[in-house]
Amino acid sequence: MLIGEVARRSGVSARMLRHYDTLGLVRPTGRTVGNYREYTPADVRRIFHVEGLRSLGLSLRQIARTLDDPGFTPSALVGDLVRETEERLLRDRELLDRLRTVGAAEPAGWEDVARVVELLHGLRSRSAERRQQAVLATPLPAGLLAGAVLTEADPYVAGALRWALARTGGDGAASLASGLAAGDAEVRRRAVQALAELPGGEATAMLTGALDDPDPAIRRYAALALGSRGVTAAVPTLLAMVVHGPNEVEASEHLGTLARDPAWAGRIMAALTAELATHAADRAVRIRLVQALAEMPGTVALDVLRELAGDPDRPVALIASTLVTAPERYVAGGGPPAT
């Protein structure tokens, strides 16, 4: 076949076929009497091989080496291509995020664009001090702050980011959703910590979902935040924190607040009493449970504390006895209990 027919059948232009010939990538096997290029079926097959490899992102030089190397292993090449493509996609994603950030800032002119770009560079600085300065320098879009929160490892910069994000209202909650779905538990922790400082129902709903996270620290962050918002879905996790720690003091306080709702007071008391029976041989757990009973409102826990004042475990009995005879614990319930 002459070059024109090959071009029609292969979809490769005659100009590109001549370029392949010049590079030695696909040389026609023969020449006509008039010195025109003449391609054999094997030559055409090589052209299709070249085009197939080009579609995978290989350069012409890489293709030539691949086709002519008898020791070529496709798996190694494909692995390299996967890594290169992932790196390129990451760069493209970063560029897309930057463009979206600039767009979200609604710049009025190129000076505004330059300012946002400068802030982006500041947030990506290796210097924690410079990153913190960038956060505090000027109000930033919620989406940008949320993205930075998810990647920030320095505790001081992270705190500044959460503070700035909270000042935007609840707008940043949706931008933190990707963090909650991350495979890295540390990223999910950052997302939950940021959500804990955001107002609004969207943040509360996302925190409620985080109660099912496999990471115990994330469940604790979510439960404490929800407890402070009066969300009773946090009760089982708060009870587990009282039993196992850490943060048992805060968990006890939130349980006490939630128990002010008469519909939940009985449930919480029943759960605390059941845990006392379950951990009858564990002094440390029982002491934490007694301290949680002390946070119950009014006289809700009085009968249980009176019973515990006679507990055979002396430290447990002493703490319970002290609480029973401390009238200030029961002012909210209508005055001190009778002894």
C-alpha atoms as a PDB file:
ATOM      1  CA  MET A   1       0.000   0.000   0.000  1.00  0.00           C
ATOM      2  CA  LEU A   2       1.147   3.514  -0.773  1.00  0.00           C
ATOM      3  CA  ILE A   3       1.247   6.181   1.902  1.00  0.00           C
ATOM      4  CA  GLY A   4      -2.067   7.788   0.932  1.00  0.00           C
ATOM      5  CA  GLU A   5      -4.001   4.545   1.292  1.00  0.00           C
ATOM      6  CA  VAL A   6      -2.263   3.744   4.591  1.00  0.00           C
ATOM      7  CA  ALA A   7      -3.208   7.182   5.877  1.00  0.00           C
ATOM      8  CA  ARG A   8      -6.861   6.611   4.955  1.00  0.00           C
ATOM      9  CA  ARG A   9      -7.021   3.160   6.550  1.00  0.00           C
ATOM     10  CA  SER A  10      -5.074   3.956   9.716  1.00  0.00           C
ATOM     11  CA  GLY A  11      -6.312   7.476  10.392  1.00  0.00           C
ATOM     12  CA  VAL A  12      -2.693   8.640  10.696  1.00  0.00           C
ATOM     13  CA  SER A  13      -1.882  11.577   8.459  1.00  0.00           C
ATOM     14  CA  ALA A  14       0.641  11.183   5.635  1.00  0.00           C
ATOM     15  CA  ARG A  15       2.720  13.900   7.290  1.00  0.00           C
ATOM     16  CA  MET A  16       2.897  11.919  10.537  1.00  0.00           C
ATOM     17  CA  LEU A  17       3.747   8.724   8.620  1.00  0.00           C
ATOM     18  CA  ARG A  18       6.682  10.532   6.992  1.00  0.00           C
ATOM     19  CA  HIS A  19       7.728  11.705  10.469  1.00  0.00           C
ATOM     20  CA  TYR A  20       7.625   8.110  11.719  1.00  0.00           C
ATOM     21  CA  ASP A  21       9.835   7.109   8.786  1.00  0.00           C
ATOM     22  CA  THR A  22      12.332   9.877   9.551  1.00  0.00           C
ATOM     23  CA  LEU A  23      12.541   8.764  13.180  1.00  0.00           C
ATOM     24  CA  GLY A  24      12.939   5.133  12.170  1.00  0.00           C
ATOM     25  CA  LEU A  25       9.803   4.307  14.111  1.00  0.00           C
ATOM     26  CA  VAL A  26       7.846   2.853  11.154  1.00  0.00           C
ATOM     27  CA  ARG A  27       9.864   2.506   7.965  1.00  0.00           C
ATOM     28  CA  PRO A  28       8.065   1.190   4.892  1.00  0.00           C
ATOM     29  CA  THR A  29       9.495  -2.111   3.793  1.00  0.00           C
ATOM     30  CA  GLY A  30       9.683  -1.225   0.125  1.00  0.00           C
ATOM     31  CA  ARG A  31       9.775   1.506  -2.493  1.00  0.00           C
ATOM     32  CA  THR A  32       8.017   1.655  -5.831  1.00  0.00           C
ATOM     33  CA  VAL A  33       9.781   2.233  -9.144  1.00  0.00           C
ATOM     34  CA  GLY A  34       8.981   5.907  -8.691  1.00  0.00           C
ATOM     35  CA  ASN A  35      10.543   5.796  -5.178  1.00  0.00           C
ATOM     36  CA  TYR A  36       7.230   6.096  -3.376  1.00  0.00           C
ATOM     37  CA  ARG A  37       6.913   4.533   0.078  1.00  0.00           C
ATOM     38  CA  GLU A  38       5.258   1.143  -0.022  1.00  0.00           C
ATOM     39  CA  TYR A  39       3.891  -0.396   3.187  1.00  0.00           C
ATOM     40  CA  THR A  40       3.354  -4.076   3.839  1.00  0.00           C
ATOM     41  CA  PRO A  41       0.637  -5.474   6.153  1.00  0.00           C
ATOM     42  CA  ALA A  42       3.344  -5.892   8.830  1.00  0.00           C
ATOM     43  CA  ASP A  43       4.223  -2.195   8.492  1.00  0.00           C
ATOM     44  CA  VAL A  44       0.563  -1.253   8.941  1.00  0.00           C
ATOM     45  CA  ARG A  45       0.302  -3.461  12.035  1.00  0.00           C
ATOM     46  CA  ARG A  46       3.319  -1.621  13.490  1.00  0.00           C
ATOM     47  CA  ILE A  47       1.588   1.700  12.801  1.00  0.00           C
ATOM     48  CA  PHE A  48      -1.422   0.530  14.819  1.00  0.00           C
ATOM     49  CA  HIS A  49       0.907  -0.613  17.605  1.00  0.00           C
ATOM     50  CA  VAL A  50       2.491   2.834  17.641  1.00  0.00           C
ATOM     51  CA  GLU A  51      -0.886   4.572  17.808  1.00  0.00           C
ATOM     52  CA  GLY A  52      -2.046   2.263  20.578  1.00  0.00           C
ATOM     53  CA  LEU A  53       0.981   3.085  22.703  1.00  0.00           C
ATOM     54  CA  ARG A  54       0.593   6.796  21.975  1.00  0.00           C
ATOM     55  CA  SER A  55      -2.946   6.567  23.355  1.00  0.00           C
ATOM     56  CA  LEU A  56      -1.424   5.414  26.656  1.00  0.00           C
ATOM     57  CA  GLY A  57       0.650   8.563  26.889  1.00  0.00           C
ATOM     58  CA  LEU A  58       4.051   7.283  25.693  1.00  0.00           C
ATOM     59  CA  SER A  59       6.368   9.570  23.777  1.00  0.00           C
ATOM     60  CA  LEU A  60       7.571   8.508  20.335  1.00  0.00           C
ATOM     61  CA  ARG A  61      11.022   7.855  21.758  1.00  0.00           C
ATOM     62  CA  GLN A  62       9.551   5.593  24.448  1.00  0.00           C
ATOM     63  CA  ILE A  63       7.484   3.793  21.817  1.00  0.00           C
ATOM     64  CA  ALA A  64      10.529   3.113  19.642  1.00  0.00           C
ATOM     65  CA  ARG A  65      12.428   1.712  22.615  1.00  0.00           C
ATOM     66  CA  THR A  66       9.437  -0.367  23.650  1.00  0.00           C
ATOM     67  CA  LEU A  67       8.814  -1.933  20.232  1.00  0.00           C
ATOM     68  CA  ASP A  68      12.467  -2.665  19.507  1.00  0.00           C
ATOM     69  CA  ASP A  69      13.508  -3.921  22.941  1.00  0.00           C
ATOM     70  CA  PRO A  70      13.315  -7.742  23.083  1.00  0.00           C
ATOM     71  CA  GLY A  71      13.395  -7.593  26.882  1.00  0.00           C
ATOM     72  CA  PHE A  72      10.408  -5.244  27.094  1.00  0.00           C
ATOM     73  CA  THR A  73       7.960  -6.094  29.903  1.00  0.00           C
ATOM     74  CA  PRO A  74       4.500  -4.495  29.518  1.00  0.00           C
ATOM     75  CA  SER A  75       3.736  -4.690  33.244  1.00  0.00           C
ATOM     76  CA  ALA A  76       6.697  -2.463  34.151  1.00  0.00           C
ATOM     77  CA  LEU A  77       5.752   0.072  31.501  1.00  0.00           C
ATOM     78  CA  VAL A  78       2.105   0.146  32.527  1.00  0.00           C
ATOM     79  CA  GLY A  79       3.120   0.575  36.182  1.00  0.00           C
ATOM     80  CA  ASP A  80       5.269   3.584  35.248  1.00  0.00           C
ATOM     81  CA  LEU A  81       2.431   5.054  33.215  1.00  0.00           C
ATOM     82  CA  VAL A  82      -0.009   4.629  36.107  1.00  0.00           C
ATOM     83  CA  ARG A  83       2.314   6.483  38.475  1.00  0.00           C
ATOM     84  CA  GLU A  84       2.968   9.281  35.987  1.00  0.00           C
ATOM     85  CA  THR A  85      -0.750   9.663  35.299  1.00  0.00           C
ATOM     86  CA  GLU A  86      -1.580   9.767  39.016  1.00  0.00           C
ATOM     87  CA  GLU A  87       1.007  12.503  39.536  1.00  0.00           C
ATOM     88  CA  ARG A  88      -0.377  14.472  36.607  1.00  0.00           C
ATOM     89  CA  LEU A  89      -3.933  14.105  37.892  1.00  0.00           C
ATOM     90  CA  LEU A  90      -2.813  15.310  41.311  1.00  0.00           C
ATOM     91  CA  ARG A  91      -1.231  18.391  39.748  1.00  0.00           C
ATOM     92  CA  ASP A  92      -4.361  19.011  37.707  1.00  0.00           C
ATOM     93  CA  ARG A  93      -6.544  18.600  40.795  1.00  0.00           C
ATOM     94  CA  GLU A  94      -4.427  21.110  42.699  1.00  0.00           C
ATOM     95  CA  LEU A  95      -4.712  23.538  39.793  1.00  0.00           C
ATOM     96  CA  LEU A  96      -8.480  23.038  39.645  1.00  0.00           C
ATOM     97  CA  ASP A  97      -8.759  23.649  43.388  1.00  0.00           C
ATOM     98  CA  ARG A  98      -6.731  26.858  43.048  1.00  0.00           C
ATOM     99  CA  LEU A  99      -8.928  28.075  40.190  1.00  0.00           C
ATOM    100  CA  ARG A 100     -12.084  27.303  42.152  1.00  0.00           C
ATOM    101  CA  THR A 101     -10.698  29.128  45.165  1.00  0.00           C
ATOM    102  CA  VAL A 102      -9.929  32.206  43.110  1.00  0.00           C
ATOM    103  CA  GLY A 103     -13.396  32.040  41.580  1.00  0.00           C
ATOM    104  CA  ALA A 104     -15.072  31.672  44.992  1.00  0.00           C
ATOM    105  CA  ALA A 105     -13.342  34.863  46.150  1.00  0.00           C
ATOM    106  CA  GLU A 106     -15.184  36.719  43.353  1.00  0.00           C
ATOM    107  CA  PRO A 107     -12.222  38.885  42.402  1.00  0.00           C
ATOM    108  CA  ALA A 108     -13.100  42.289  40.981  1.00  0.00           C
ATOM    109  CA  GLY A 109      -9.800  42.602  39.144  1.00  0.00           C
ATOM    110  CA  TRP A 110      -6.380  41.073  38.626  1.00  0.00           C
ATOM    111  CA  GLU A 111      -5.141  42.628  41.873  1.00  0.00           C
ATOM    112  CA  ASP A 112      -7.699  40.559  43.765  1.00  0.00           C
ATOM    113  CA  VAL A 113      -6.632  37.450  41.865  1.00  0.00           C
ATOM    114  CA  ALA A 114      -2.995  38.126  42.748  1.00  0.00           C
ATOM    115  CA  ARG A 115      -3.939  38.567  46.414  1.00  0.00           C
ATOM    116  CA  VAL A 116      -5.748  35.228  46.554  1.00  0.00           C
ATOM    117  CA  VAL A 117      -2.873  33.473  44.777  1.00  0.00           C
ATOM    118  CA  GLU A 118      -0.423  34.994  47.258  1.00  0.00           C
ATOM    119  CA  LEU A 119      -2.565  33.721  50.143  1.00  0.00           C
ATOM    120  CA  LEU A 120      -2.629  30.267  48.568  1.00  0.00           C
ATOM    121  CA  HIS A 121       1.159  30.265  48.398  1.00  0.00           C
ATOM    122  CA  GLY A 122       1.236  31.328  52.048  1.00  0.00           C
ATOM    123  CA  LEU A 123      -1.039  28.470  53.089  1.00  0.00           C
ATOM    124  CA  ARG A 124       1.242  26.026  51.252  1.00  0.00           C
ATOM    125  CA  SER A 125       4.441  27.419  52.741  1.00  0.00           C
ATOM    126  CA  ARG A 126       6.792  25.070  54.576  1.00  0.00           C
ATOM    127  CA  SER A 127       6.904  27.618  57.383  1.00  0.00           C
ATOM    128  CA  ALA A 128       4.149  27.090  59.956  1.00  0.00           C
ATOM    129  CA  GLU A 129       4.495  30.732  60.982  1.00  0.00           C
ATOM    130  CA  ARG A 130       3.874  31.935  57.448  1.00  0.00           C
ATOM    131  CA  ARG A 131       0.876  29.632  57.080  1.00  0.00           C
ATOM    132  CA  GLN A 132      -0.605  31.002  60.288  1.00  0.00           C
ATOM    133  CA  GLN A 133      -0.006  34.568  59.121  1.00  0.00           C
ATOM    134  CA  ALA A 134      -1.791  33.816  55.857  1.00  0.00           C
ATOM    135  CA  VAL A 135      -4.823  32.519  57.779  1.00  0.00           C
ATOM    136  CA  LEU A 136      -5.025  35.553  60.033  1.00  0.00           C
ATOM    137  CA  ALA A 137      -4.150  38.173  57.411  1.00  0.00           C
ATOM    138  CA  THR A 138      -7.548  38.496  55.759  1.00  0.00           C
ATOM    139  CA  PRO A 139     -10.889  36.672  55.523  1.00  0.00           C
ATOM    140  CA  LEU A 140     -10.621  33.628  53.262  1.00  0.00           C
ATOM    141  CA  PRO A 141     -13.307  31.617  51.442  1.00  0.00           C
ATOM    142  CA  ALA A 142     -14.789  28.793  53.513  1.00  0.00           C
ATOM    143  CA  GLY A 143     -13.856  26.189  50.910  1.00  0.00           C
ATOM    144  CA  LEU A 144     -10.214  27.207  50.973  1.00  0.00           C
ATOM    145  CA  LEU A 145     -10.086  27.138  54.762  1.00  0.00           C
ATOM    146  CA  ALA A 146     -11.786  23.731  54.908  1.00  0.00           C
ATOM    147  CA  GLY A 147      -9.322  22.260  52.426  1.00  0.00           C
ATOM    148  CA  ALA A 148      -6.396  23.642  54.402  1.00  0.00           C
ATOM    149  CA  VAL A 149      -7.795  22.283  57.687  1.00  0.00           C
ATOM    150  CA  LEU A 150      -7.794  18.756  56.296  1.00  0.00           C
ATOM    151  CA  THR A 151      -4.087  18.856  55.425  1.00  0.00           C
ATOM    152  CA  GLU A 152      -2.661  20.945  58.278  1.00  0.00           C
ATOM    153  CA  ALA A 153      -0.543  18.996  60.769  1.00  0.00           C
ATOM    154  CA  ASP A 154       0.747  21.883  62.906  1.00  0.00           C
ATOM    155  CA  PRO A 155      -1.635  22.265  65.906  1.00  0.00           C
ATOM    156  CA  TYR A 156      -1.310  26.055  66.106  1.00  0.00           C
ATOM    157  CA  VAL A 157      -1.956  26.622  62.425  1.00  0.00           C
ATOM    158  CA  ALA A 158      -4.809  24.095  62.537  1.00  0.00           C
ATOM    159  CA  GLY A 159      -6.345  25.997  65.437  1.00  0.00           C
ATOM    160  CA  ALA A 160      -6.140  29.260  63.497  1.00  0.00           C
ATOM    161  CA  LEU A 161      -7.739  27.608  60.484  1.00  0.00           C
ATOM    162  CA  ARG A 162     -10.623  26.211  62.558  1.00  0.00           C
ATOM    163  CA  TRP A 163     -11.145  29.628  64.148  1.00  0.00           C
ATOM    164  CA  ALA A 164     -11.230  31.333  60.761  1.00  0.00           C
ATOM    165  CA  LEU A 165     -13.537  28.646  59.363  1.00  0.00           C
ATOM    166  CA  ALA A 166     -15.949  29.023  62.288  1.00  0.00           C
ATOM    167  CA  ARG A 167     -16.158  32.765  61.559  1.00  0.00           C
ATOM    168  CA  THR A 168     -17.580  31.986  58.130  1.00  0.00           C
ATOM    169  CA  GLY A 169     -20.636  30.425  59.791  1.00  0.00           C
ATOM    170  CA  GLY A 170     -21.791  27.005  58.663  1.00  0.00           C
ATOM    171  CA  ASP A 171     -20.628  27.487  55.077  1.00  0.00           C
ATOM    172  CA  GLY A 172     -17.571  25.275  55.504  1.00  0.00           C
ATOM    173  CA  ALA A 173     -19.426  22.141  56.600  1.00  0.00           C
ATOM    174  CA  ALA A 174     -20.055  20.832  53.089  1.00  0.00           C
ATOM    175  CA  SER A 175     -16.393  21.400  52.185  1.00  0.00           C
ATOM    176  CA  LEU A 176     -15.363  19.111  55.060  1.00  0.00           C
ATOM    177  CA  ALA A 177     -17.433  16.180  53.776  1.00  0.00           C
ATOM    178  CA  SER A 178     -14.532  14.799  51.748  1.00  0.00           C
ATOM    179  CA  GLY A 179     -12.443  14.737  54.919  1.00  0.00           C
ATOM    180  CA  LEU A 180     -14.987  12.552  56.714  1.00  0.00           C
ATOM    181  CA  ALA A 181     -14.835  10.069  53.842  1.00  0.00           C
ATOM    182  CA  ALA A 182     -11.018   9.961  53.715  1.00  0.00           C
ATOM    183  CA  GLY A 183      -9.214   6.673  54.184  1.00  0.00           C
ATOM    184  CA  ASP A 184      -6.673   8.370  56.449  1.00  0.00           C
ATOM    185  CA  ALA A 185      -7.995   8.499  60.023  1.00  0.00           C
ATOM    186  CA  GLU A 186      -5.927  11.609  60.758  1.00  0.00           C
ATOM    187  CA  VAL A 187      -7.723  13.518  58.000  1.00  0.00           C
ATOM    188  CA  ARG A 188     -11.089  12.388  59.395  1.00  0.00           C
ATOM    189  CA  ARG A 189     -10.045  13.573  62.864  1.00  0.00           C
ATOM    190  CA  ARG A 190      -9.221  17.010  61.483  1.00  0.00           C
ATOM    191  CA  ALA A 191     -12.582  17.143  59.752  1.00  0.00           C
ATOM    192  CA  VAL A 192     -14.481  16.253  62.938  1.00  0.00           C
ATOM    193  CA  GLN A 193     -12.528  18.738  65.039  1.00  0.00           C
ATOM    194  CA  ALA A 194     -13.358  21.469  62.542  1.00  0.00           C
ATOM    195  CA  LEU A 195     -17.031  20.473  62.381  1.00  0.00           C
ATOM    196  CA  ALA A 196     -17.194  20.609  66.181  1.00  0.00           C
ATOM    197  CA  GLU A 197     -16.563  24.356  65.984  1.00  0.00           C
ATOM    198  CA  LEU A 198     -19.096  25.024  63.220  1.00  0.00           C
ATOM    199  CA  PRO A 199     -22.714  25.964  63.957  1.00  0.00           C
ATOM    200  CA  GLY A 200     -25.709  24.734  62.070  1.00  0.00           C
ATOM    201  CA  GLY A 201     -27.676  21.607  61.354  1.00  0.00           C
ATOM    202  CA  GLU A 202     -25.423  20.417  58.529  1.00  0.00           C
ATOM    203  CA  ALA A 203     -22.399  20.242  60.829  1.00  0.00           C
ATOM    204  CA  THR A 204     -24.495  18.499  63.502  1.00  0.00           C
ATOM    205  CA  ALA A 205     -25.717  15.892  61.011  1.00  0.00           C
ATOM    206  CA  MET A 206     -22.175  15.198  59.827  1.00  0.00           C
ATOM    207  CA  LEU A 207     -20.955  14.844  63.416  1.00  0.00           C
ATOM    208  CA  THR A 208     -23.779  12.411  64.117  1.00  0.00           C
ATOM    209  CA  GLY A 209     -22.597  10.294  61.198  1.00  0.00           C
ATOM    210  CA  ALA A 210     -19.082  10.330  62.625  1.00  0.00           C
ATOM    211  CA  LEU A 211     -20.309   8.446  65.702  1.00  0.00           C
ATOM    212  CA  ASP A 212     -20.045   5.300  63.579  1.00  0.00           C
ATOM    213  CA  ASP A 213     -16.434   5.941  62.545  1.00  0.00           C
ATOM    214  CA  PRO A 214     -14.101   2.971  63.190  1.00  0.00           C
ATOM    215  CA  ASP A 215     -11.562   5.268  64.864  1.00  0.00           C
ATOM    216  CA  PRO A 216     -12.331   5.673  68.615  1.00  0.00           C
ATOM    217  CA  ALA A 217     -10.765   9.144  68.801  1.00  0.00           C
ATOM    218  CA  ILE A 218     -13.074  10.375  66.051  1.00  0.00           C
ATOM    219  CA  ARG A 219     -16.102   8.939  67.843  1.00  0.00           C
ATOM    220  CA  ARG A 220     -15.016  10.737  71.020  1.00  0.00           C
ATOM    221  CA  TYR A 221     -14.560  14.092  69.250  1.00  0.00           C
ATOM    222  CA  ALA A 222     -17.980  13.744  67.654  1.00  0.00           C
ATOM    223  CA  ALA A 223     -19.726  12.676  70.873  1.00  0.00           C
ATOM    224  CA  LEU A 224     -18.322  15.565  72.908  1.00  0.00           C
ATOM    225  CA  ALA A 225     -19.335  18.064  70.238  1.00  0.00           C
ATOM    226  CA  LEU A 226     -22.820  16.575  69.974  1.00  0.00           C
ATOM    227  CA  GLY A 227     -23.192  16.388  73.756  1.00  0.00           C
ATOM    228  CA  SER A 228     -22.536  20.118  73.975  1.00  0.00           C
ATOM    229  CA  ARG A 229     -25.322  20.619  71.396  1.00  0.00           C
ATOM    230  CA  GLY A 230     -27.798  18.498  73.345  1.00  0.00           C
ATOM    231  CA  VAL A 231     -27.886  15.686  70.765  1.00  0.00           C
ATOM    232  CA  THR A 232     -28.926  12.479  72.534  1.00  0.00           C
ATOM    233  CA  ALA A 233     -27.492  10.269  69.759  1.00  0.00           C
ATOM    234  CA  ALA A 234     -24.150  10.806  71.515  1.00  0.00           C
ATOM    235  CA  VAL A 235     -25.279   9.096  74.758  1.00  0.00           C
ATOM    236  CA  PRO A 236     -23.896   5.574  74.018  1.00  0.00           C
ATOM    237  CA  THR A 237     -20.481   6.952  73.072  1.00  0.00           C
ATOM    238  CA  LEU A 238     -20.422   9.281  76.083  1.00  0.00           C
ATOM    239  CA  LEU A 239     -21.234   6.317  78.351  1.00  0.00           C
ATOM    240  CA  ALA A 240     -18.397   4.339  76.798  1.00  0.00           C
ATOM    241  CA  MET A 241     -16.055   7.267  77.463  1.00  0.00           C
ATOM    242  CA  VAL A 242     -17.044   7.294  81.130  1.00  0.00           C
ATOM    243  CA  VAL A 243     -16.307   3.578  81.367  1.00  0.00           C
ATOM    244  CA  HIS A 244     -13.082   3.465  79.379  1.00  0.00           C
ATOM    245  CA  GLY A 245     -11.850   7.068  79.225  1.00  0.00           C
ATOM    246  CA  PRO A 246     -10.302   9.339  78.209  1.00  0.00           C
ATOM    247  CA  ASN A 247     -12.281  12.589  78.541  1.00  0.00           C
ATOM    248  CA  GLU A 248     -14.545  10.915  81.079  1.00  0.00           C
ATOM    249  CA  VAL A 249     -15.025  14.182  82.996  1.00  0.00           C
ATOM    250  CA  GLU A 250     -16.358  16.037  79.947  1.00  0.00           C
ATOM    251  CA  ALA A 251     -18.436  13.020  78.970  1.00  0.00           C
ATOM    252  CA  SER A 252     -19.987  12.912  82.461  1.00  0.00           C
ATOM    253  CA  GLU A 253     -20.840  16.611  82.301  1.00  0.00           C
ATOM    254  CA  HIS A 254     -22.586  16.176  78.954  1.00  0.00           C
ATOM    255  CA  LEU A 255     -24.525  13.169  80.246  1.00  0.00           C
ATOM    256  CA  GLY A 256     -25.668  15.259  83.183  1.00  0.00           C
ATOM    257  CA  THR A 257     -26.856  17.992  80.837  1.00  0.00           C
ATOM    258  CA  LEU A 258     -28.692  15.513  78.606  1.00  0.00           C
ATOM    259  CA  ALA A 259     -30.310  13.924  81.680  1.00  0.00           C
ATOM    260  CA  ARG A 260     -32.129  17.196  82.360  1.00  0.00           C
ATOM    261  CA  ASP A 261     -34.553  15.974  79.740  1.00  0.00           C
ATOM    262  CA  PRO A 262     -36.959  13.750  81.754  1.00  0.00           C
ATOM    263  CA  ALA A 263     -37.323  11.452  78.755  1.00  0.00           C
ATOM    264  CA  TRP A 264     -33.613  10.660  78.914  1.00  0.00           C
ATOM    265  CA  ALA A 265     -32.850  10.853  82.631  1.00  0.00           C
ATOM    266  CA  GLY A 266     -34.165   7.339  83.286  1.00  0.00           C
ATOM    267  CA  ARG A 267     -32.329   5.841  80.311  1.00  0.00           C
ATOM    268  CA  ILE A 268     -29.019   7.381  81.293  1.00  0.00           C
ATOM    269  CA  MET A 269     -29.398   6.324  84.921  1.00  0.00           C
ATOM    270  CA  ALA A 270     -30.292   2.779  83.866  1.00  0.00           C
ATOM    271  CA  ALA A 271     -27.208   2.634  81.640  1.00  0.00           C
ATOM    272  CA  LEU A 272     -24.893   3.923  84.392  1.00  0.00           C
ATOM    273  CA  THR A 273     -26.348   1.441  86.913  1.00  0.00           C
ATOM    274  CA  ALA A 274     -25.909  -1.425  84.457  1.00  0.00           C
ATOM    275  CA  GLU A 275     -22.271  -0.490  83.921  1.00  0.00           C
ATOM    276  CA  LEU A 276     -21.718  -0.474  87.701  1.00  0.00           C
ATOM    277  CA  ALA A 277     -22.926  -4.065  87.831  1.00  0.00           C
ATOM    278  CA  THR A 278     -20.930  -5.112  84.781  1.00  0.00           C
ATOM    279  CA  HIS A 279     -17.685  -3.710  86.209  1.00  0.00           C
ATOM    280  CA  ALA A 280     -18.212  -4.765  89.821  1.00  0.00           C
ATOM    281  CA  ALA A 281     -14.574  -5.887  90.124  1.00  0.00           C
ATOM    282  CA  ASP A 282     -12.987  -2.833  88.467  1.00  0.00           C
ATOM    283  CA  ARG A 283     -12.485  -0.066  91.026  1.00  0.00           C
ATOM    284  CA  ALA A 284     -11.235   2.558  88.535  1.00  0.00           C
ATOM    285  CA  VAL A 285     -14.261   2.136  86.273  1.00  0.00           C
ATOM    286  CA  ARG A 286     -16.704   2.230  89.201  1.00  0.00           C
ATOM    287  CA  ILE A 287     -15.135   5.416  90.556  1.00  0.00           C
ATOM    288  CA  ARG A 288     -15.573   7.057  87.149  1.00  0.00           C
ATOM    289  CA  LEU A 289     -19.190   5.906  87.087  1.00  0.00           C
ATOM    290  CA  VAL A 290     -19.835   7.314  90.577  1.00  0.00           C
ATOM    291  CA  GLN A 291     -18.374  10.635  89.464  1.00  0.00           C
ATOM    292  CA  ALA A 292     -20.704  10.540  86.449  1.00  0.00           C
ATOM    293  CA  LEU A 293     -23.642   9.968  88.822  1.00  0.00           C
ATOM    294  CA  ALA A 294     -22.602  13.134  90.604  1.00  0.00           C
ATOM    295  CA  GLU A 295     -23.323  15.075  87.413  1.00  0.00           C
ATOM    296  CA  MET A 296     -26.936  13.904  87.231  1.00  0.00           C
ATOM    297  CA  PRO A 297     -29.396  16.749  87.826  1.00  0.00           C
ATOM    298  CA  GLY A 298     -31.422  17.190  90.992  1.00  0.00           C
ATOM    299  CA  THR A 299     -31.928  14.043  93.017  1.00  0.00           C
ATOM    300  CA  VAL A 300     -32.010  11.701  90.023  1.00  0.00           C
ATOM    301  CA  ALA A 301     -28.991   9.732  91.241  1.00  0.00           C
ATOM    302  CA  LEU A 302     -29.543  10.086  94.978  1.00  0.00           C
ATOM    303  CA  ASP A 303     -30.896   6.588  95.656  1.00  0.00           C
ATOM    304  CA  VAL A 304     -28.077   4.927  93.745  1.00  0.00           C
ATOM    305  CA  LEU A 305     -25.451   7.064  95.507  1.00  0.00           C
ATOM    306  CA  ARG A 306     -26.949   6.186  98.934  1.00  0.00           C
ATOM    307  CA  GLU A 307     -26.677   2.520  98.064  1.00  0.00           C
ATOM    308  CA  LEU A 308     -23.084   2.973  96.901  1.00  0.00           C
ATOM    309  CA  ALA A 309     -22.225   4.751 100.175  1.00  0.00           C
ATOM    310  CA  GLY A 310     -22.346   1.282 101.719  1.00  0.00           C
ATOM    311  CA  ASP A 311     -20.325  -0.367  98.963  1.00  0.00           C
ATOM    312  CA  PRO A 312     -17.757  -2.945 100.164  1.00  0.00           C
ATOM    313  CA  ASP A 313     -15.092  -1.180  98.068  1.00  0.00           C
ATOM    314  CA  ARG A 314     -14.042   1.578 100.502  1.00  0.00           C
ATOM    315  CA  PRO A 315     -12.840   4.216  97.960  1.00  0.00           C
ATOM    316  CA  VAL A 316     -16.097   3.857  96.030  1.00  0.00           C
ATOM    317  CA  ALA A 317     -18.126   4.086  99.255  1.00  0.00           C
ATOM    318  CA  LEU A 318     -16.234   7.179 100.442  1.00  0.00           C
ATOM    319  CA  ILE A 319     -16.821   9.071  97.194  1.00  0.00           C
ATOM    320  CA  ALA A 320     -20.506   8.132  97.113  1.00  0.00           C
ATOM    321  CA  SER A 321     -20.932   9.046 100.787  1.00  0.00           C
ATOM    322  CA  THR A 322     -19.337  12.445 100.229  1.00  0.00           C
ATOM    323  CA  LEU A 323     -21.688  13.139  97.346  1.00  0.00           C
ATOM    324  CA  VAL A 324     -24.756  12.106  99.341  1.00  0.00           C
ATOM    325  CA  THR A 325     -23.881  14.470 102.187  1.00  0.00           C
ATOM    326  CA  ALA A 326     -22.975  17.421  99.929  1.00  0.00           C
ATOM    327  CA  PRO A 327     -26.202  19.448  99.802  1.00  0.00           C
ATOM    328  CA  GLU A 328     -24.892  21.859  97.158  1.00  0.00           C
ATOM    329  CA  ARG A 329     -25.100  19.001  94.661  1.00  0.00           C
ATOM    330  CA  TYR A 330     -28.890  19.046  94.919  1.00  0.00           C
ATOM    331  CA  VAL A 331     -29.848  22.705  94.955  1.00  0.00           C
ATOM    332  CA  ALA A 332     -31.184  22.437  91.387  1.00  0.00           C
ATOM    333  CA  GLY A 333     -33.391  19.535  92.491  1.00  0.00           C
ATOM    334  CA  GLY A 334     -35.251  21.488  95.175  1.00  0.00           C
ATOM    335  CA  GLY A 335     -32.855  21.497  98.127  1.00  0.00           C
ATOM    336  CA  PRO A 336     -30.598  19.072  99.951  1.00  0.00           C
ATOM    337  CA  PRO A 337     -31.702  15.490 100.451  1.00  0.00           C
ATOM    338  CA  ALA A 338     -32.837  14.212 103.792  1.00  0.00           C
ATOM    339  CA  THR A 339     -30.220  12.048 105.543  1.00  0.00           C
END
